[in-house]
Amino acid sequence: MDTTDEGSSPMGDFERNKDQVQAGIQAGASLVGRIAVIITDAIGSVVKEVGDFVTDAIEMREAARAARLDEATRSPEIELDDIGPDELYG
């Protein structure tokens, strides 16, 4: 009795082809999943950086406004035209 596979049965060929197609589809789905994770992480990182930038801009604007208000309340305007040269040095 010869046990070598000289002639493949149609069912054996079909199952082998099915297994190859299945493995190819699984590999492709896995690749797409990994790419989707990479893209999702990248989008999240970009959104975080943009949010941090906007927060910094808001903080700078508020600091500038506070500095202007502080300067306006601390520094009275002085008319230099009414001060003589001898009064500048105390």
PDB file of N, CA and C in Angstrom:
ATOM      1  N   MET A   1       0.838  -1.167   0.000  1.00  0.00           N
ATOM      2  CA  MET A   1       0.000   0.000   0.000  1.00  0.00           C
ATOM      3  C   MET A   1       0.891   1.242   0.000  1.00  0.00           C
ATOM      4  N   ASP A   2       0.690   2.107  -0.946  1.00  0.00           N
ATOM      5  CA  ASP A   2       1.503   3.311  -1.124  1.00  0.00           C
ATOM      6  C   ASP A   2       0.863   4.442  -0.323  1.00  0.00           C
ATOM      7  N   THR A   3       1.604   5.047   0.611  1.00  0.00           N
ATOM      8  CA  THR A   3       1.066   6.131   1.442  1.00  0.00           C
ATOM      9  C   THR A   3       1.531   7.502   0.976  1.00  0.00           C
ATOM     10  N   THR A   4       2.285   7.579  -0.107  1.00  0.00           N
ATOM     11  CA  THR A   4       2.716   8.883  -0.616  1.00  0.00           C
ATOM     12  C   THR A   4       1.536   9.567  -1.256  1.00  0.00           C
ATOM     13  N   ASP A   5       1.582  10.873  -1.292  1.00  0.00           N
ATOM     14  CA  ASP A   5       0.466  11.668  -1.812  1.00  0.00           C
ATOM     15  C   ASP A   5       0.745  12.039  -3.257  1.00  0.00           C
ATOM     16  N   GLU A   6       0.727  11.026  -4.114  1.00  0.00           N
ATOM     17  CA  GLU A   6       0.984  11.301  -5.532  1.00  0.00           C
ATOM     18  C   GLU A   6      -0.186  12.027  -6.161  1.00  0.00           C
ATOM     19  N   GLY A   7      -1.353  11.653  -5.833  1.00  0.00           N
ATOM     20  CA  GLY A   7      -2.530  12.291  -6.395  1.00  0.00           C
ATOM     21  C   GLY A   7      -3.322  12.918  -5.272  1.00  0.00           C
ATOM     22  N   SER A   8      -3.529  14.241  -5.330  1.00  0.00           N
ATOM     23  CA  SER A   8      -4.269  14.927  -4.290  1.00  0.00           C
ATOM     24  C   SER A   8      -5.747  14.768  -4.551  1.00  0.00           C
ATOM     25  N   SER A   9      -6.475  14.598  -3.470  1.00  0.00           N
ATOM     26  CA  SER A   9      -7.923  14.508  -3.626  1.00  0.00           C
ATOM     27  C   SER A   9      -8.469  15.917  -3.777  1.00  0.00           C
ATOM     28  N   PRO A  10      -9.586  16.057  -4.461  1.00  0.00           N
ATOM     29  CA  PRO A  10     -10.175  17.387  -4.616  1.00  0.00           C
ATOM     30  C   PRO A  10     -10.499  18.023  -3.273  1.00  0.00           C
ATOM     31  N   MET A  11     -10.906  17.241  -2.288  1.00  0.00           N
ATOM     32  CA  MET A  11     -11.232  17.792  -0.976  1.00  0.00           C
ATOM     33  C   MET A  11      -9.964  18.301  -0.291  1.00  0.00           C
ATOM     34  N   GLY A  12      -8.845  17.587  -0.427  1.00  0.00           N
ATOM     35  CA  GLY A  12      -7.574  18.010   0.161  1.00  0.00           C
ATOM     36  C   GLY A  12      -7.088  19.317  -0.443  1.00  0.00           C
ATOM     37  N   ASP A  13      -7.182  19.457  -1.755  1.00  0.00           N
ATOM     38  CA  ASP A  13      -6.781  20.705  -2.426  1.00  0.00           C
ATOM     39  C   ASP A  13      -7.664  21.862  -1.978  1.00  0.00           C
ATOM     40  N   PHE A  14      -8.952  21.607  -1.891  1.00  0.00           N
ATOM     41  CA  PHE A  14      -9.894  22.649  -1.489  1.00  0.00           C
ATOM     42  C   PHE A  14      -9.591  23.116  -0.068  1.00  0.00           C
ATOM     43  N   GLU A  15      -9.380  22.156   0.838  1.00  0.00           N
ATOM     44  CA  GLU A  15      -9.117  22.521   2.229  1.00  0.00           C
ATOM     45  C   GLU A  15      -7.801  23.272   2.368  1.00  0.00           C
ATOM     46  N   ARG A  16      -6.782  22.871   1.629  1.00  0.00           N
ATOM     47  CA  ARG A  16      -5.487  23.553   1.666  1.00  0.00           C
ATOM     48  C   ARG A  16      -5.645  24.986   1.157  1.00  0.00           C
ATOM     49  N   ASN A  17      -6.377  25.148   0.063  1.00  0.00           N
ATOM     50  CA  ASN A  17      -6.617  26.500  -0.481  1.00  0.00           C
ATOM     51  C   ASN A  17      -7.419  27.344   0.497  1.00  0.00           C
ATOM     52  N   LYS A  18      -8.409  26.708   1.122  1.00  0.00           N
ATOM     53  CA  LYS A  18      -9.220  27.424   2.111  1.00  0.00           C
ATOM     54  C   LYS A  18      -8.348  27.881   3.274  1.00  0.00           C
ATOM     55  N   ASP A  19      -7.467  27.038   3.748  1.00  0.00           N
ATOM     56  CA  ASP A  19      -6.567  27.386   4.850  1.00  0.00           C
ATOM     57  C   ASP A  19      -5.639  28.531   4.468  1.00  0.00           C
ATOM     58  N   GLN A  20      -5.146  28.523   3.242  1.00  0.00           N
ATOM     59  CA  GLN A  20      -4.270  29.602   2.778  1.00  0.00           C
ATOM     60  C   GLN A  20      -5.032  30.919   2.697  1.00  0.00           C
ATOM     61  N   VAL A  21      -6.245  30.868   2.169  1.00  0.00           N
ATOM     62  CA  VAL A  21      -7.063  32.084   2.079  1.00  0.00           C
ATOM     63  C   VAL A  21      -7.383  32.599   3.477  1.00  0.00           C
ATOM     64  N   GLN A  22      -7.750  31.682   4.374  1.00  0.00           N
ATOM     65  CA  GLN A  22      -8.067  32.062   5.742  1.00  0.00           C
ATOM     66  C   GLN A  22      -6.859  32.705   6.420  1.00  0.00           C
ATOM     67  N   ALA A  23      -5.694  32.124   6.276  1.00  0.00           N
ATOM     68  CA  ALA A  23      -4.479  32.676   6.877  1.00  0.00           C
ATOM     69  C   ALA A  23      -4.169  34.062   6.284  1.00  0.00           C
ATOM     70  N   GLY A  24      -4.353  34.213   4.987  1.00  0.00           N
ATOM     71  CA  GLY A  24      -4.116  35.511   4.346  1.00  0.00           C
ATOM     72  C   GLY A  24      -5.075  36.579   4.848  1.00  0.00           C
ATOM     73  N   ILE A  25      -6.332  36.217   4.998  1.00  0.00           N
ATOM     74  CA  ILE A  25      -7.330  37.178   5.483  1.00  0.00           C
ATOM     75  C   ILE A  25      -7.049  37.544   6.930  1.00  0.00           C
ATOM     76  N   GLN A  26      -6.684  36.552   7.745  1.00  0.00           N
ATOM     77  CA  GLN A  26      -6.356  36.841   9.145  1.00  0.00           C
ATOM     78  C   GLN A  26      -5.143  37.758   9.249  1.00  0.00           C
ATOM     79  N   ALA A  27      -4.131  37.509   8.449  1.00  0.00           N
ATOM     80  CA  ALA A  27      -2.941  38.364   8.470  1.00  0.00           C
ATOM     81  C   ALA A  27      -3.288  39.784   8.028  1.00  0.00           C
ATOM     82  N   GLY A  28      -4.111  39.886   6.992  1.00  0.00           N
ATOM     83  CA  GLY A  28      -4.515  41.215   6.526  1.00  0.00           C
ATOM     84  C   GLY A  28      -5.339  41.948   7.570  1.00  0.00           C
ATOM     85  N   ALA A  29      -6.271  41.240   8.219  1.00  0.00           N
ATOM     86  CA  ALA A  29      -7.092  41.871   9.258  1.00  0.00           C
ATOM     87  C   ALA A  29      -6.233  42.318  10.435  1.00  0.00           C
ATOM     88  N   SER A  30      -5.263  41.502  10.803  1.00  0.00           N
ATOM     89  CA  SER A  30      -4.361  41.860  11.896  1.00  0.00           C
ATOM     90  C   SER A  30      -3.555  43.107  11.542  1.00  0.00           C
ATOM     91  N   LEU A  31      -3.074  43.169  10.313  1.00  0.00           N
ATOM     92  CA  LEU A  31      -2.312  44.335   9.855  1.00  0.00           C
ATOM     93  C   LEU A  31      -3.175  45.590   9.889  1.00  0.00           C
ATOM     94  N   VAL A  32      -4.393  45.487   9.387  1.00  0.00           N
ATOM     95  CA  VAL A  32      -5.300  46.635   9.396  1.00  0.00           C
ATOM     96  C   VAL A  32      -5.572  47.077  10.827  1.00  0.00           C
ATOM     97  N   GLY A  33      -5.733  46.125  11.733  1.00  0.00           N
ATOM     98  CA  GLY A  33      -5.957  46.464  13.140  1.00  0.00           C
ATOM     99  C   GLY A  33      -4.782  47.204  13.744  1.00  0.00           C
ATOM    100  N   ARG A  34      -3.557  46.729  13.461  1.00  0.00           N
ATOM    101  CA  ARG A  34      -2.369  47.411  13.989  1.00  0.00           C
ATOM    102  C   ARG A  34      -2.244  48.822  13.411  1.00  0.00           C
ATOM    103  N   ILE A  35      -2.532  48.965  12.131  1.00  0.00           N
ATOM    104  CA  ILE A  35      -2.476  50.293  11.508  1.00  0.00           C
ATOM    105  C   ILE A  35      -3.525  51.213  12.121  1.00  0.00           C
ATOM    106  N   ALA A  36      -4.719  50.672  12.387  1.00  0.00           N
ATOM    107  CA  ALA A  36      -5.774  51.482  13.008  1.00  0.00           C
ATOM    108  C   ALA A  36      -5.345  51.955  14.396  1.00  0.00           C
ATOM    109  N   VAL A  37      -4.664  51.112  15.155  1.00  0.00           N
ATOM    110  CA  VAL A  37      -4.180  51.512  16.476  1.00  0.00           C
ATOM    111  C   VAL A  37      -3.143  52.623  16.342  1.00  0.00           C
ATOM    112  N   ILE A  38      -2.243  52.489  15.378  1.00  0.00           N
ATOM    113  CA  ILE A  38      -1.223  53.519  15.157  1.00  0.00           C
ATOM    114  C   ILE A  38      -1.873  54.851  14.805  1.00  0.00           C
ATOM    115  N   ILE A  39      -2.840  54.816  13.910  1.00  0.00           N
ATOM    116  CA  ILE A  39      -3.528  56.049  13.490  1.00  0.00           C
ATOM    117  C   ILE A  39      -4.294  56.659  14.659  1.00  0.00           C
ATOM    118  N   THR A  40      -4.985  55.808  15.427  1.00  0.00           N
ATOM    119  CA  THR A  40      -5.742  56.306  16.578  1.00  0.00           C
ATOM    120  C   THR A  40      -4.822  56.962  17.594  1.00  0.00           C
ATOM    121  N   ASP A  41      -3.688  56.328  17.887  1.00  0.00           N
ATOM    122  CA  ASP A  41      -2.722  56.924  18.818  1.00  0.00           C
ATOM    123  C   ASP A  41      -2.180  58.244  18.280  1.00  0.00           C
ATOM    124  N   ALA A  42      -1.893  58.294  16.984  1.00  0.00           N
ATOM    125  CA  ALA A  42      -1.359  59.525  16.382  1.00  0.00           C
ATOM    126  C   ALA A  42      -2.382  60.654  16.474  1.00  0.00           C
ATOM    127  N   ILE A  43      -3.633  60.352  16.175  1.00  0.00           N
ATOM    128  CA  ILE A  43      -4.675  61.383  16.254  1.00  0.00           C
ATOM    129  C   ILE A  43      -4.807  61.876  17.693  1.00  0.00           C
ATOM    130  N   GLY A  44      -4.798  60.946  18.641  1.00  0.00           N
ATOM    131  CA  GLY A  44      -4.878  61.342  20.044  1.00  0.00           C
ATOM    132  C   GLY A  44      -3.714  62.231  20.457  1.00  0.00           C
ATOM    133  N   SER A  45      -2.521  61.904  20.009  1.00  0.00           N
ATOM    134  CA  SER A  45      -1.339  62.709  20.337  1.00  0.00           C
ATOM    135  C   SER A  45      -1.428  64.099  19.730  1.00  0.00           C
ATOM    136  N   VAL A  46      -1.879  64.180  18.483  1.00  0.00           N
ATOM    137  CA  VAL A  46      -2.013  65.485  17.822  1.00  0.00           C
ATOM    138  C   VAL A  46      -3.044  66.341  18.548  1.00  0.00           C
ATOM    139  N   VAL A  47      -4.177  65.746  18.901  1.00  0.00           N
ATOM    140  CA  VAL A  47      -5.224  66.496  19.603  1.00  0.00           C
ATOM    141  C   VAL A  47      -4.712  66.984  20.952  1.00  0.00           C
ATOM    142  N   LYS A  48      -3.955  66.151  21.660  1.00  0.00           N
ATOM    143  CA  LYS A  48      -3.400  66.568  22.949  1.00  0.00           C
ATOM    144  C   LYS A  48      -2.439  67.733  22.775  1.00  0.00           C
ATOM    145  N   GLU A  49      -1.556  67.656  21.782  1.00  0.00           N
ATOM    146  CA  GLU A  49      -0.597  68.746  21.557  1.00  0.00           C
ATOM    147  C   GLU A  49      -1.301  70.051  21.185  1.00  0.00           C
ATOM    148  N   VAL A  50      -2.312  69.973  20.336  1.00  0.00           N
ATOM    149  CA  VAL A  50      -3.066  71.173  19.955  1.00  0.00           C
ATOM    150  C   VAL A  50      -3.764  71.747  21.184  1.00  0.00           C
ATOM    151  N   GLY A  51      -4.347  70.874  22.003  1.00  0.00           N
ATOM    152  CA  GLY A  51      -4.997  71.338  23.229  1.00  0.00           C
ATOM    153  C   GLY A  51      -4.026  72.013  24.170  1.00  0.00           C
ATOM    154  N   ASP A  52      -2.836  71.432  24.332  1.00  0.00           N
ATOM    155  CA  ASP A  52      -1.812  72.050  25.177  1.00  0.00           C
ATOM    156  C   ASP A  52      -1.391  73.413  24.630  1.00  0.00           C
ATOM    157  N   PHE A  53      -1.269  73.511  23.306  1.00  0.00           N
ATOM    158  CA  PHE A  53      -0.892  74.781  22.690  1.00  0.00           C
ATOM    159  C   PHE A  53      -1.958  75.845  22.948  1.00  0.00           C
ATOM    160  N   VAL A  54      -3.222  75.473  22.789  1.00  0.00           N
ATOM    161  CA  VAL A  54      -4.308  76.429  23.027  1.00  0.00           C
ATOM    162  C   VAL A  54      -4.335  76.847  24.495  1.00  0.00           C
ATOM    163  N   THR A  55      -4.130  75.896  25.393  1.00  0.00           N
ATOM    164  CA  THR A  55      -4.098  76.226  26.819  1.00  0.00           C
ATOM    165  C   THR A  55      -2.966  77.205  27.118  1.00  0.00           C
ATOM    166  N   ASP A  56      -1.788  76.971  26.553  1.00  0.00           N
ATOM    167  CA  ASP A  56      -0.666  77.894  26.750  1.00  0.00           C
ATOM    168  C   ASP A  56      -0.989  79.279  26.211  1.00  0.00           C
ATOM    169  N   ALA A  57      -1.618  79.340  25.046  1.00  0.00           N
ATOM    170  CA  ALA A  57      -1.980  80.639  24.460  1.00  0.00           C
ATOM    171  C   ALA A  57      -2.965  81.383  25.352  1.00  0.00           C
ATOM    172  N   ILE A  58      -3.940  80.675  25.890  1.00  0.00           N
ATOM    173  CA  ILE A  58      -4.919  81.304  26.790  1.00  0.00           C
ATOM    174  C   ILE A  58      -4.224  81.818  28.041  1.00  0.00           C
ATOM    175  N   GLU A  59      -3.324  81.015  28.606  1.00  0.00           N
ATOM    176  CA  GLU A  59      -2.606  81.439  29.810  1.00  0.00           C
ATOM    177  C   GLU A  59      -1.734  82.659  29.537  1.00  0.00           C
ATOM    178  N   MET A  60      -1.071  82.702  28.373  1.00  0.00           N
ATOM    179  CA  MET A  60      -0.253  83.871  28.036  1.00  0.00           C
ATOM    180  C   MET A  60      -1.110  85.113  27.871  1.00  0.00           C
ATOM    181  N   ARG A  61      -2.271  84.958  27.228  1.00  0.00           N
ATOM    182  CA  ARG A  61      -3.162  86.105  27.051  1.00  0.00           C
ATOM    183  C   ARG A  61      -3.650  86.630  28.395  1.00  0.00           C
ATOM    184  N   GLU A  62      -4.020  85.701  29.303  1.00  0.00           N
ATOM    185  CA  GLU A  62      -4.482  86.120  30.625  1.00  0.00           C
ATOM    186  C   GLU A  62      -3.364  86.775  31.425  1.00  0.00           C
ATOM    187  N   ALA A  63      -2.143  86.263  31.299  1.00  0.00           N
ATOM    188  CA  ALA A  63      -1.002  86.858  32.002  1.00  0.00           C
ATOM    189  C   ALA A  63      -0.719  88.263  31.472  1.00  0.00           C
ATOM    190  N   ALA A  64      -0.807  88.439  30.160  1.00  0.00           N
ATOM    191  CA  ALA A  64      -0.579  89.765  29.578  1.00  0.00           C
ATOM    192  C   ALA A  64      -1.644  90.752  30.046  1.00  0.00           C
ATOM    193  N   ARG A  65      -2.891  90.277  30.093  1.00  0.00           N
ATOM    194  CA  ARG A  65      -3.976  91.159  30.559  1.00  0.00           C
ATOM    195  C   ARG A  65      -3.764  91.529  32.024  1.00  0.00           C
ATOM    196  N   ALA A  66      -3.379  90.563  32.849  1.00  0.00           N
ATOM    197  CA  ALA A  66      -3.124  90.841  34.265  1.00  0.00           C
ATOM    198  C   ALA A  66      -1.959  91.807  34.425  1.00  0.00           C
ATOM    199  N   ALA A  67      -0.925  91.666  33.600  1.00  0.00           N
ATOM    200  CA  ALA A  67       0.219  92.576  33.667  1.00  0.00           C
ATOM    201  C   ALA A  67      -0.193  93.997  33.287  1.00  0.00           C
ATOM    202  N   ARG A  68      -1.035  94.115  32.258  1.00  0.00           N
ATOM    203  CA  ARG A  68      -1.515  95.450  31.872  1.00  0.00           C
ATOM    204  C   ARG A  68      -2.336  96.087  32.978  1.00  0.00           C
ATOM    205  N   LEU A  69      -3.213  95.305  33.599  1.00  0.00           N
ATOM    206  CA  LEU A  69      -4.027  95.837  34.702  1.00  0.00           C
ATOM    207  C   LEU A  69      -3.151  96.214  35.882  1.00  0.00           C
ATOM    208  N   ASP A  70      -2.157  95.405  36.185  1.00  0.00           N
ATOM    209  CA  ASP A  70      -1.244  95.686  37.285  1.00  0.00           C
ATOM    210  C   ASP A  70      -0.456  96.958  37.021  1.00  0.00           C
ATOM    211  N   GLU A  71       0.014  97.093  35.797  1.00  0.00           N
ATOM    212  CA  GLU A  71       0.773  98.300  35.441  1.00  0.00           C
ATOM    213  C   GLU A  71      -0.105  99.536  35.519  1.00  0.00           C
ATOM    214  N   ALA A  72      -1.345  99.418  35.089  1.00  0.00           N
ATOM    215  CA  ALA A  72      -2.251 100.569  35.113  1.00  0.00           C
ATOM    216  C   ALA A  72      -2.579 100.982  36.545  1.00  0.00           C
ATOM    217  N   THR A  73      -2.679 100.046  37.466  1.00  0.00           N
ATOM    218  CA  THR A  73      -3.015 100.399  38.849  1.00  0.00           C
ATOM    219  C   THR A  73      -1.797 100.832  39.646  1.00  0.00           C
ATOM    220  N   ARG A  74      -0.595 100.380  39.292  1.00  0.00           N
ATOM    221  CA  ARG A  74       0.614 100.724  40.044  1.00  0.00           C
ATOM    222  C   ARG A  74       1.316 101.965  39.510  1.00  0.00           C
ATOM    223  N   SER A  75       1.258 102.221  38.247  1.00  0.00           N
ATOM    224  CA  SER A  75       2.054 103.276  37.637  1.00  0.00           C
ATOM    225  C   SER A  75       1.162 104.446  37.239  1.00  0.00           C
ATOM    226  N   PRO A  76       1.126 105.468  38.075  1.00  0.00           N
ATOM    227  CA  PRO A  76       0.368 106.653  37.648  1.00  0.00           C
ATOM    228  C   PRO A  76       1.125 107.356  36.519  1.00  0.00           C
ATOM    229  N   GLU A  77       0.370 107.959  35.661  1.00  0.00           N
ATOM    230  CA  GLU A  77       1.017 108.662  34.554  1.00  0.00           C
ATOM    231  C   GLU A  77       1.688 109.929  35.083  1.00  0.00           C
ATOM    232  N   ILE A  78       2.881 110.164  34.631  1.00  0.00           N
ATOM    233  CA  ILE A  78       3.660 111.328  35.056  1.00  0.00           C
ATOM    234  C   ILE A  78       3.872 112.215  33.843  1.00  0.00           C
ATOM    235  N   GLU A  79       3.565 113.474  34.028  1.00  0.00           N
ATOM    236  CA  GLU A  79       3.804 114.456  32.977  1.00  0.00           C
ATOM    237  C   GLU A  79       5.256 114.916  33.076  1.00  0.00           C
ATOM    238  N   LEU A  80       6.073 114.480  32.138  1.00  0.00           N
ATOM    239  CA  LEU A  80       7.480 114.844  32.159  1.00  0.00           C
ATOM    240  C   LEU A  80       7.713 116.281  31.731  1.00  0.00           C
ATOM    241  N   ASP A  81       6.736 116.874  31.092  1.00  0.00           N
ATOM    242  CA  ASP A  81       6.902 118.262  30.654  1.00  0.00           C
ATOM    243  C   ASP A  81       6.943 119.227  31.840  1.00  0.00           C
ATOM    244  N   ASP A  82       6.319 118.822  32.950  1.00  0.00           N
ATOM    245  CA  ASP A  82       6.261 119.711  34.112  1.00  0.00           C
ATOM    246  C   ASP A  82       7.441 119.521  35.065  1.00  0.00           C
ATOM    247  N   ILE A  83       8.355 118.605  34.760  1.00  0.00           N
ATOM    248  CA  ILE A  83       9.474 118.323  35.658  1.00  0.00           C
ATOM    249  C   ILE A  83      10.727 118.974  35.087  1.00  0.00           C
ATOM    250  N   GLY A  84      11.407 119.674  35.937  1.00  0.00           N
ATOM    251  CA  GLY A  84      12.646 120.326  35.527  1.00  0.00           C
ATOM    252  C   GLY A  84      13.814 119.362  35.615  1.00  0.00           C
ATOM    253  N   PRO A  85      14.950 119.707  34.969  1.00  0.00           N
ATOM    254  CA  PRO A  85      16.126 118.811  34.964  1.00  0.00           C
ATOM    255  C   PRO A  85      16.659 118.548  36.359  1.00  0.00           C
ATOM    256  N   ASP A  86      16.572 119.493  37.264  1.00  0.00           N
ATOM    257  CA  ASP A  86      17.085 119.301  38.621  1.00  0.00           C
ATOM    258  C   ASP A  86      16.186 118.379  39.456  1.00  0.00           C
ATOM    259  N   GLU A  87      14.939 118.183  39.034  1.00  0.00           N
ATOM    260  CA  GLU A  87      14.012 117.328  39.784  1.00  0.00           C
ATOM    261  C   GLU A  87      14.127 115.836  39.384  1.00  0.00           C
ATOM    262  N   LEU A  88      14.818 115.543  38.307  1.00  0.00           N
ATOM    263  CA  LEU A  88      14.917 114.171  37.842  1.00  0.00           C
ATOM    264  C   LEU A  88      15.819 113.319  38.731  1.00  0.00           C
ATOM    265  N   TYR A  89      16.781 113.920  39.391  1.00  0.00           N
ATOM    266  CA  TYR A  89      17.742 113.147  40.164  1.00  0.00           C
ATOM    267  C   TYR A  89      17.478 113.179  41.658  1.00  0.00           C
ATOM    268  N   GLY A  90      16.390 113.718  42.066  1.00  0.00           N
ATOM    269  CA  GLY A  90      15.996 113.689  43.468  1.00  0.00           C
ATOM    270  C   GLY A  90      16.610 114.755  44.233  1.00  0.00           C
TER     271      GLY A  90
END
